[in-house]
N, C-alpha and C. Protein backbone atom coordinates (compact mmCIF):
# COMPACT_ATOMS: atom_id res chain seq x y z
N UNK A 1 7.98 3.63 -17.00
CA UNK A 1 8.47 2.46 -16.28
C UNK A 1 7.61 1.26 -16.64
N UNK A 2 8.23 0.11 -16.78
CA UNK A 2 7.50 -1.09 -17.17
C UNK A 2 6.56 -1.55 -16.06
N UNK A 3 5.46 -2.15 -16.47
CA UNK A 3 4.48 -2.63 -15.51
C UNK A 3 5.06 -3.73 -14.64
N UNK A 4 6.00 -4.54 -15.20
CA UNK A 4 6.59 -5.62 -14.43
C UNK A 4 7.47 -5.10 -13.30
N UNK A 5 7.98 -3.88 -13.43
CA UNK A 5 8.79 -3.27 -12.38
C UNK A 5 7.91 -2.49 -11.41
N UNK A 6 6.82 -1.91 -11.90
CA UNK A 6 5.95 -1.08 -11.07
C UNK A 6 5.29 -1.88 -9.96
N UNK A 7 4.85 -3.09 -10.24
CA UNK A 7 4.11 -3.86 -9.25
C UNK A 7 4.97 -4.19 -8.02
N UNK A 8 6.20 -4.70 -8.17
CA UNK A 8 7.01 -4.94 -6.97
C UNK A 8 7.33 -3.66 -6.20
N UNK A 9 7.54 -2.56 -6.91
CA UNK A 9 7.80 -1.30 -6.22
C UNK A 9 6.57 -0.83 -5.45
N UNK A 10 5.40 -1.03 -6.02
CA UNK A 10 4.16 -0.66 -5.34
C UNK A 10 3.96 -1.49 -4.08
N UNK A 11 4.26 -2.77 -4.17
CA UNK A 11 4.15 -3.65 -3.01
C UNK A 11 5.14 -3.22 -1.93
N UNK A 12 6.37 -2.93 -2.32
CA UNK A 12 7.38 -2.52 -1.35
C UNK A 12 6.99 -1.21 -0.66
N UNK A 13 6.53 -0.24 -1.44
CA UNK A 13 6.11 1.04 -0.86
C UNK A 13 4.91 0.85 0.06
N UNK A 14 3.99 -0.03 -0.30
CA UNK A 14 2.82 -0.28 0.53
C UNK A 14 3.21 -0.93 1.85
N UNK A 15 4.14 -1.87 1.79
CA UNK A 15 4.60 -2.52 3.01
C UNK A 15 5.29 -1.52 3.93
N UNK A 16 6.08 -0.63 3.34
CA UNK A 16 6.75 0.40 4.15
C UNK A 16 5.71 1.31 4.81
N UNK A 17 4.66 1.69 4.08
CA UNK A 17 3.61 2.52 4.66
C UNK A 17 2.89 1.81 5.81
N UNK A 18 2.63 0.52 5.65
CA UNK A 18 1.97 -0.24 6.70
C UNK A 18 2.86 -0.32 7.94
N UNK A 19 4.16 -0.52 7.74
CA UNK A 19 5.08 -0.58 8.87
C UNK A 19 5.16 0.78 9.57
N UNK A 20 5.22 1.86 8.80
CA UNK A 20 5.26 3.20 9.39
C UNK A 20 4.00 3.47 10.19
N UNK A 21 2.85 3.03 9.67
CA UNK A 21 1.60 3.26 10.40
C UNK A 21 1.57 2.49 11.72
N UNK A 22 2.26 1.36 11.77
CA UNK A 22 2.29 0.61 13.03
C UNK A 22 3.24 1.26 14.04
N UNK A 23 4.17 2.07 13.57
CA UNK A 23 5.11 2.74 14.47
C UNK A 23 4.54 4.02 15.08
N UNK A 24 3.51 4.59 14.45
CA UNK A 24 2.90 5.82 14.96
C UNK A 24 2.05 5.46 16.17
N UNK A 25 2.33 6.11 17.28
CA UNK A 25 1.57 5.87 18.53
C UNK A 25 0.71 7.10 18.81
N UNK A 26 -0.61 6.98 18.63
CA UNK A 26 -1.47 8.15 18.82
C UNK A 26 -1.53 8.64 20.28
N UNK A 27 -1.54 7.74 21.25
CA UNK A 27 -1.58 8.11 22.68
C UNK A 27 -2.61 9.19 22.99
N UNK A 28 -3.81 9.01 22.49
CA UNK A 28 -4.90 9.93 22.79
C UNK A 28 -4.98 11.14 21.87
N UNK A 29 -4.06 11.30 20.96
CA UNK A 29 -4.09 12.42 20.04
C UNK A 29 -4.95 12.07 18.83
N UNK A 30 -5.95 12.88 18.58
CA UNK A 30 -6.84 12.64 17.46
C UNK A 30 -6.11 12.81 16.13
N UNK A 31 -5.23 13.80 16.05
CA UNK A 31 -4.51 14.06 14.81
C UNK A 31 -3.57 12.90 14.47
N UNK A 32 -2.85 12.37 15.45
CA UNK A 32 -1.97 11.24 15.18
C UNK A 32 -2.76 9.98 14.85
N UNK A 33 -3.92 9.81 15.47
CA UNK A 33 -4.77 8.67 15.15
C UNK A 33 -5.28 8.74 13.72
N UNK A 34 -5.65 9.94 13.29
CA UNK A 34 -6.10 10.13 11.91
C UNK A 34 -4.96 9.90 10.93
N UNK A 35 -3.76 10.37 11.28
CA UNK A 35 -2.59 10.16 10.43
C UNK A 35 -2.26 8.68 10.32
N UNK A 36 -2.34 7.97 11.42
CA UNK A 36 -2.08 6.53 11.41
C UNK A 36 -3.09 5.80 10.52
N UNK A 37 -4.34 6.16 10.64
CA UNK A 37 -5.38 5.54 9.82
C UNK A 37 -5.19 5.85 8.34
N UNK A 38 -4.82 7.09 8.04
CA UNK A 38 -4.59 7.49 6.66
C UNK A 38 -3.41 6.73 6.04
N UNK A 39 -2.31 6.62 6.78
CA UNK A 39 -1.14 5.90 6.28
C UNK A 39 -1.46 4.42 6.08
N UNK A 40 -2.17 3.83 7.03
CA UNK A 40 -2.56 2.42 6.92
C UNK A 40 -3.47 2.22 5.71
N UNK A 41 -4.42 3.12 5.51
CA UNK A 41 -5.32 3.02 4.37
C UNK A 41 -4.58 3.12 3.04
N UNK A 42 -3.60 4.01 2.96
CA UNK A 42 -2.81 4.12 1.73
C UNK A 42 -2.00 2.86 1.48
N UNK A 43 -1.46 2.28 2.54
CA UNK A 43 -0.71 1.04 2.40
C UNK A 43 -1.58 -0.10 1.92
N UNK A 44 -2.77 -0.22 2.50
CA UNK A 44 -3.68 -1.29 2.09
C UNK A 44 -4.19 -1.06 0.66
N UNK A 45 -4.44 0.17 0.31
CA UNK A 45 -4.87 0.49 -1.05
C UNK A 45 -3.79 0.12 -2.06
N UNK A 46 -2.54 0.40 -1.71
CA UNK A 46 -1.43 0.05 -2.58
C UNK A 46 -1.29 -1.45 -2.75
N UNK A 47 -1.48 -2.20 -1.67
CA UNK A 47 -1.41 -3.66 -1.77
C UNK A 47 -2.53 -4.21 -2.64
N UNK A 48 -3.73 -3.67 -2.47
CA UNK A 48 -4.86 -4.12 -3.30
C UNK A 48 -4.63 -3.78 -4.77
N UNK A 49 -4.09 -2.60 -5.03
CA UNK A 49 -3.81 -2.20 -6.41
C UNK A 49 -2.75 -3.11 -7.03
N UNK A 50 -1.72 -3.43 -6.27
CA UNK A 50 -0.68 -4.33 -6.77
C UNK A 50 -1.23 -5.72 -7.04
N UNK A 51 -2.09 -6.21 -6.17
CA UNK A 51 -2.70 -7.52 -6.39
C UNK A 51 -3.58 -7.49 -7.64
N UNK A 52 -4.32 -6.42 -7.84
CA UNK A 52 -5.17 -6.28 -9.02
C UNK A 52 -4.32 -6.27 -10.30
N UNK A 53 -3.19 -5.54 -10.27
CA UNK A 53 -2.30 -5.51 -11.43
C UNK A 53 -1.72 -6.89 -11.71
N UNK A 54 -1.38 -7.61 -10.65
CA UNK A 54 -0.81 -8.94 -10.82
C UNK A 54 -1.82 -9.89 -11.47
N UNK A 55 -3.05 -9.85 -10.97
CA UNK A 55 -4.10 -10.73 -11.51
C UNK A 55 -4.45 -10.32 -12.93
N UNK A 56 -4.56 -9.03 -13.17
CA UNK A 56 -4.92 -8.54 -14.48
C UNK A 56 -3.80 -8.80 -15.50
N UNK A 57 -2.55 -8.74 -15.07
CA UNK A 57 -1.42 -8.97 -15.96
C UNK A 57 -1.27 -10.42 -16.35
N UNK A 58 -1.82 -11.34 -15.57
CA UNK A 58 -1.69 -12.76 -15.86
C UNK A 58 -2.62 -13.22 -16.97
N UNK A 59 -3.64 -12.44 -17.26
CA UNK A 59 -4.61 -12.81 -18.30
C UNK A 59 -4.15 -12.24 -19.63
N UNK A 60 -3.83 -13.09 -20.56
CA UNK A 60 -3.37 -12.66 -21.88
C UNK A 60 -4.54 -12.66 -22.85
N UNK A 61 -4.61 -11.64 -23.64
CA UNK A 61 -5.64 -11.59 -24.69
C UNK A 61 -5.06 -12.24 -25.93
N UNK A 62 -5.76 -13.19 -26.48
CA UNK A 62 -5.19 -13.88 -27.61
C UNK A 62 -6.15 -14.04 -28.68
């Protein structure tokens, strides 16, 4: 898959993960709290990776 297509898909998947993590209500459950934190972390990691790809892709070697 082309890098130009991968970055928007990564951003979309990351946003979906962040939204899902906000929908999880731990209500005192340690396991659900850990799951919420894990999903949020994956979403944030995906956003950071997409931003890094965007910045790195803008620099042309000439």
